[in-house]
Protein backbone atom coordinates (compact mmCIF):
# COMPACT_ATOMS: atom_id res chain seq x y z
CA UNK A 1 -26.58 -9.01 -13.14
CA UNK A 2 -29.60 -6.84 -13.64
CA UNK A 3 -30.26 -5.32 -17.04
CA UNK A 4 -29.62 -1.78 -15.71
CA UNK A 5 -26.43 -2.69 -13.83
CA UNK A 6 -23.79 -0.05 -14.72
CA UNK A 7 -21.01 -2.63 -14.20
CA UNK A 8 -22.42 -4.89 -16.89
CA UNK A 9 -20.44 -4.17 -20.06
CA UNK A 10 -23.14 -5.79 -22.15
CA UNK A 11 -25.75 -3.24 -21.02
CA UNK A 12 -24.00 -0.37 -22.84
CA UNK A 13 -23.93 -0.86 -26.60
CA UNK A 14 -20.95 1.54 -26.88
CA UNK A 15 -18.74 -0.76 -24.77
CA UNK A 16 -17.20 -3.86 -26.26
CA UNK A 17 -16.35 -6.51 -23.62
CA UNK A 18 -13.60 -7.82 -25.92
CA UNK A 19 -11.94 -4.44 -26.36
CA UNK A 20 -9.12 -3.91 -23.82
CA UNK A 21 -9.65 -0.15 -23.76
CA UNK A 22 -13.15 -0.71 -22.33
CA UNK A 23 -11.81 -2.78 -19.42
CA UNK A 24 -13.23 -1.39 -16.13
CA UNK A 25 -9.94 -2.31 -14.39
CA UNK A 26 -8.24 0.44 -16.42
CA UNK A 27 -10.55 3.12 -15.04
CA UNK A 28 -8.43 5.42 -12.79
CA UNK A 29 -11.46 5.95 -10.56
CA UNK A 30 -11.69 2.20 -9.94
CA UNK A 31 -9.35 1.84 -6.94
CA UNK A 32 -8.70 -1.40 -5.11
CA UNK A 33 -8.35 -1.75 -1.35
CA UNK A 34 -4.56 -1.26 -1.26
CA UNK A 35 -4.95 1.93 -3.32
CA UNK A 36 -7.51 3.21 -0.81
CA UNK A 37 -5.24 2.32 2.12
CA UNK A 38 -2.31 4.16 0.53
CA UNK A 39 -4.46 7.23 -0.11
CA UNK A 40 -5.73 7.17 3.48
CA UNK A 41 -2.18 6.99 4.84
CA UNK A 42 -0.93 9.73 2.49
CA UNK A 43 -3.84 11.94 3.48
CA UNK A 44 -2.99 11.57 7.17
CA UNK A 45 0.80 11.66 6.72
CA UNK A 46 1.71 13.38 3.44
CA UNK A 47 5.45 13.35 4.17
CA UNK A 48 5.68 9.57 4.77
CA UNK A 49 8.55 7.82 3.03
CA UNK A 50 8.08 4.97 0.60
CA UNK A 51 9.95 2.68 3.01
CA UNK A 52 7.67 3.60 5.93
CA UNK A 53 4.63 3.14 3.70
CA UNK A 54 5.78 -0.35 2.70
CA UNK A 55 6.41 -1.27 6.35
CA UNK A 56 3.04 0.05 7.44
CA UNK A 57 1.19 -1.95 4.76
CA UNK A 58 3.48 -4.97 5.00
CA UNK A 59 4.25 -5.02 1.27
CA UNK A 60 7.54 -4.74 -0.60
CA UNK A 61 9.14 -1.41 -1.44
CA UNK A 62 8.94 -2.24 -5.14
CA UNK A 63 5.17 -2.83 -4.82
CA UNK A 64 4.75 0.58 -3.17
CA UNK A 65 6.90 2.20 -5.85
CA UNK A 66 4.77 0.59 -8.60
CA UNK A 67 1.53 1.58 -6.84
CA UNK A 68 2.64 5.21 -6.30
CA UNK A 69 3.69 5.45 -9.95
CA UNK A 70 0.27 4.12 -11.02
CA UNK A 71 -1.51 6.65 -8.81
CA UNK A 72 0.71 9.44 -10.18
CA UNK A 73 0.14 8.35 -13.79
CA UNK A 74 -3.63 8.33 -13.17
CA UNK A 75 -3.40 11.89 -11.79
CA UNK A 76 -4.68 10.87 -8.35
CA UNK A 77 -1.56 11.94 -6.45
CA UNK A 78 1.51 14.04 -7.10
CA UNK A 79 4.77 14.59 -5.28
CA UNK A 80 5.66 18.13 -4.29
CA UNK A 81 9.09 19.17 -3.06
CA UNK A 82 12.35 17.27 -2.77
CA UNK A 83 12.80 13.54 -2.18
CA UNK A 84 13.91 14.17 1.39
CA UNK A 85 11.55 16.97 2.42
CA UNK A 86 8.70 16.56 -0.07
CA UNK A 87 5.10 15.61 0.51
CA UNK A 88 2.31 13.83 -1.33
CA UNK A 89 -0.66 15.80 -2.63
CA UNK A 90 -3.97 14.01 -3.28
CA UNK A 91 -5.82 15.47 -6.28
CA UNK A 92 -9.29 14.12 -5.64
């Protein structure tokens, strides 16, 4: 890595690479590809069910539930309305 690489934890003296709270994986803005796919689908179909989302992405329902909870906890999405007639709102 270059000396000025922002992803290099050693380049910032305030960040400790051994401190779990400084882990870049914990950054809510650091989304992986499945997160991006879910957000894309929710943006185009905000009323999609969790079951339909899991079928579309070919992952288990429990994985989708865990992912949606993570995105909600990070403040990236929120659910508005009832379970049956609600929709997903993207906050970014």
